Amino acid sequence: MGDGTVTTVSSNGTYSFTKPNREAITLLAGLGVEGDVHAGVTVKHRSRVAQDPTQPNLRQVHLIHGELFDEVAGAGFEVTPGDLGENVTTHGIDLLALPTGARLHLGPEAVVEVTGLRNPCAQIDNFRHGLLKQVVGRDADGALVRKAGIMGIVLTGGEVRPGDPIRVELPAGPHRPLERV
């Protein structure tokens, strides 16, 4: 599993689908992105709060591989970093192939533990009609493939900036594939 680079960081203190790009974000251990609406110990995603507001927040940080934007551009969709609500846009790492529990060392200090796949929702089609079909597909066996990034929790806080290196630390085996969180 190769290492990569942070290309863009984004956060938003209010509920909106997209997140503005920032010069830096600060990750807070056990909480998420400082000042971001999804930061917290318990769930912040509205549908999850409605189900059970005491659930642990396994979606503190949302990461998307920038290569996805190139892929959807081939189908005629212009999507730029932050447009899909991610906090960290990466380059050079196959995020979707990471196992559950992989640790991403972002920049000099921050560590994010991967908890699972983002479940793309209808809001993606509200943003760009038809885009949902580009980020959700089927593999050769007919199994659902979610391409809209991964989610994680902050183990060690720190500042993250564009250009920061990302080092992947794989968990002890056997590896569990990512599932929707």
Protein backbone atom coordinates (compact mmCIF):
# COMPACT_ATOMS: atom_id res chain seq x y z
CA MET A 1 0.00 0.00 0.00
CA GLY A 2 1.72 3.16 -1.18
CA ASP A 3 1.93 6.45 0.59
CA GLY A 4 0.40 9.64 -0.77
CA THR A 5 -0.14 13.34 -0.35
CA VAL A 6 -2.80 15.67 1.03
CA THR A 7 -3.89 17.87 -1.90
CA THR A 8 -6.69 19.89 -0.26
CA VAL A 9 -8.25 20.35 3.18
CA SER A 10 -11.82 21.56 3.74
CA SER A 11 -14.21 22.23 6.62
CA ASN A 12 -17.53 23.90 7.28
CA GLY A 13 -19.10 24.99 10.55
CA THR A 14 -22.62 24.82 9.12
CA TYR A 15 -24.62 22.04 7.47
CA SER A 16 -24.15 22.28 3.74
CA PHE A 17 -23.22 19.66 1.19
CA THR A 18 -19.97 21.27 0.06
CA LYS A 19 -17.10 22.43 2.26
CA PRO A 20 -14.87 25.42 1.52
CA ASN A 21 -11.17 24.74 1.03
CA ARG A 22 -8.87 25.97 3.83
CA GLU A 23 -5.16 26.71 4.20
CA ALA A 24 -5.10 24.20 7.07
CA ILE A 25 -7.42 22.19 9.29
CA THR A 26 -6.79 21.03 12.83
CA LEU A 27 -7.75 17.49 13.76
CA LEU A 28 -8.78 16.99 17.39
CA ALA A 29 -8.32 13.55 18.96
CA GLY A 30 -11.64 11.79 19.50
CA LEU A 31 -13.63 14.62 17.90
CA GLY A 32 -12.73 15.29 14.27
CA VAL A 33 -12.02 18.51 12.40
CA GLU A 34 -11.97 21.58 14.64
CA GLY A 35 -14.91 23.86 13.80
CA ASP A 36 -16.52 21.34 11.41
CA VAL A 37 -20.22 20.56 11.80
CA HIS A 38 -19.51 16.79 11.83
CA ALA A 39 -16.97 16.93 14.68
CA GLY A 40 -17.97 15.23 17.92
CA VAL A 41 -17.75 12.12 20.05
CA THR A 42 -21.28 11.02 19.07
CA VAL A 43 -22.91 10.95 15.63
CA LYS A 44 -23.52 14.28 13.87
CA HIS A 45 -24.94 13.10 10.54
CA ARG A 46 -28.61 14.08 10.70
CA SER A 47 -30.07 10.70 9.75
CA ARG A 48 -27.86 8.95 12.34
CA VAL A 49 -28.81 11.43 15.06
CA ALA A 50 -32.49 10.74 14.32
CA GLN A 51 -31.89 6.98 14.76
CA ASP A 52 -29.78 7.17 17.94
CA PRO A 53 -27.95 10.34 19.01
CA THR A 54 -25.73 8.38 21.44
CA GLN A 55 -23.99 6.30 18.72
CA PRO A 56 -20.23 6.81 18.54
CA ASN A 57 -19.16 9.11 15.70
CA LEU A 58 -17.24 6.86 13.30
CA ARG A 59 -17.44 9.62 10.67
CA GLN A 60 -15.27 12.33 12.23
CA VAL A 61 -13.13 12.82 9.12
CA HIS A 62 -14.15 12.25 5.49
CA LEU A 63 -11.37 11.56 2.98
CA ILE A 64 -11.72 11.31 -0.82
CA HIS A 65 -9.08 10.27 -3.33
CA GLY A 66 -8.63 13.12 -5.82
CA GLU A 67 -8.36 10.55 -8.59
CA LEU A 68 -12.17 10.20 -8.29
CA PHE A 69 -12.56 13.72 -9.69
CA ASP A 70 -10.58 12.73 -12.79
CA GLU A 71 -12.76 9.63 -13.16
CA VAL A 72 -16.07 11.52 -13.00
CA ALA A 73 -14.69 14.25 -15.30
CA GLY A 74 -14.40 11.52 -17.94
CA ALA A 75 -18.17 11.13 -17.66
CA GLY A 76 -18.69 14.89 -18.01
CA PHE A 77 -18.96 15.92 -14.34
CA GLU A 78 -16.92 18.80 -12.96
CA VAL A 79 -16.21 18.11 -9.29
CA THR A 80 -13.49 19.85 -7.30
CA PRO A 81 -12.03 19.26 -3.81
CA GLY A 82 -14.56 19.99 -1.06
CA ASP A 83 -17.55 19.70 -3.42
CA LEU A 84 -18.59 16.29 -2.03
CA GLY A 85 -18.21 17.39 1.59
CA GLU A 86 -14.86 15.77 2.29
CA ASN A 87 -12.37 17.18 4.79
CA VAL A 88 -9.22 15.78 3.18
CA THR A 89 -8.57 15.22 -0.53
CA THR A 90 -5.69 12.84 -1.21
CA HIS A 91 -3.53 11.79 -4.12
CA GLY A 92 -1.57 8.58 -4.62
CA ILE A 93 -3.41 6.26 -2.20
CA ASP A 94 -6.14 3.77 -3.10
CA LEU A 95 -8.28 4.74 -0.12
CA LEU A 96 -11.08 2.34 -1.05
CA ALA A 97 -8.68 -0.64 -0.87
CA LEU A 98 -7.58 0.11 2.69
CA PRO A 99 -8.68 -2.34 5.37
CA THR A 100 -10.77 -1.34 8.37
CA GLY A 101 -8.43 -0.10 11.10
CA ALA A 102 -5.72 1.20 8.77
CA ARG A 103 -4.06 4.29 10.19
CA LEU A 104 -3.29 7.32 8.08
CA HIS A 105 -0.51 9.54 9.37
CA LEU A 106 -1.33 12.99 7.97
CA GLY A 107 1.46 15.54 8.14
CA PRO A 108 3.80 15.71 11.11
CA GLU A 109 1.39 14.68 13.92
CA ALA A 110 -2.19 13.73 13.02
CA VAL A 111 -3.33 10.10 12.86
CA VAL A 112 -6.74 9.02 11.51
CA GLU A 113 -8.01 5.46 11.89
CA VAL A 114 -10.14 4.31 8.95
CA THR A 115 -13.60 3.14 10.08
CA GLY A 116 -15.35 2.47 6.77
CA LEU A 117 -16.82 3.71 3.51
CA ARG A 118 -18.91 6.80 3.04
CA ASN A 119 -22.38 5.80 1.93
CA PRO A 120 -23.21 8.10 -0.99
CA CYS A 121 -26.71 9.54 -0.73
CA ALA A 122 -29.21 11.39 -2.91
CA GLN A 123 -27.64 14.73 -1.95
CA ILE A 124 -24.93 13.91 -4.51
CA ASP A 125 -27.56 14.03 -7.27
CA ASN A 126 -28.91 17.29 -5.84
CA PHE A 127 -25.38 18.70 -6.24
CA ARG A 128 -24.89 17.38 -9.82
CA HIS A 129 -27.77 15.44 -11.39
CA GLY A 130 -26.60 11.96 -12.41
CA LEU A 131 -23.40 12.07 -10.33
CA LEU A 132 -24.65 9.46 -7.84
CA LYS A 133 -24.45 6.79 -10.56
CA GLN A 134 -20.78 7.70 -11.06
CA VAL A 135 -19.83 7.21 -7.40
CA VAL A 136 -21.91 4.08 -6.79
CA GLY A 137 -21.54 1.11 -9.07
CA ARG A 138 -21.39 -2.66 -9.24
CA ASP A 139 -18.34 -4.89 -9.52
CA ALA A 140 -18.04 -7.92 -11.83
CA ASP A 141 -19.92 -10.04 -9.27
CA GLY A 142 -22.75 -7.53 -8.97
CA ALA A 143 -21.73 -6.33 -5.50
CA LEU A 144 -22.29 -2.66 -4.66
CA VAL A 145 -19.16 -0.47 -4.95
CA ARG A 146 -19.11 2.83 -3.07
CA LYS A 147 -16.49 5.26 -4.43
CA ALA A 148 -17.32 8.49 -2.52
CA GLY A 149 -14.44 8.18 -0.07
CA ILE A 150 -13.79 6.80 3.36
CA MET A 151 -14.50 7.84 6.93
CA GLY A 152 -12.27 7.80 9.99
CA ILE A 153 -11.79 8.82 13.58
CA VAL A 154 -8.98 11.01 14.91
CA LEU A 155 -6.57 9.10 17.15
CA THR A 156 -3.93 11.84 17.38
CA GLY A 157 -4.65 15.48 16.68
CA GLY A 158 -2.59 17.91 14.67
CA GLU A 159 -2.64 20.41 11.86
CA VAL A 160 -3.03 19.14 8.28
CA ARG A 161 -2.16 21.21 5.22
CA PRO A 162 -2.12 20.71 1.44
CA GLY A 163 1.19 19.12 0.44
CA ASP A 164 1.52 17.15 3.69
CA PRO A 165 2.63 13.55 3.24
CA ILE A 166 0.31 10.68 4.12
CA ARG A 167 1.84 7.50 5.47
CA VAL A 168 -0.31 4.36 5.59
CA GLU A 169 0.05 1.99 8.55
CA LEU A 170 -1.80 -1.27 7.99
CA PRO A 171 -3.33 -3.14 10.94
CA ALA A 172 -2.25 -6.64 11.92
CA GLY A 173 -4.04 -9.22 9.77
CA PRO A 174 -6.35 -10.67 8.82
CA HIS A 175 -7.57 -7.50 7.12
CA ARG A 176 -11.27 -6.69 7.05
CA PRO A 177 -12.53 -4.91 3.92
CA LEU A 178 -14.22 -1.57 4.42
CA GLU A 179 -17.96 -1.53 4.94
CA ARG A 180 -20.44 1.35 4.97
CA VAL A 181 -20.41 3.46 8.15
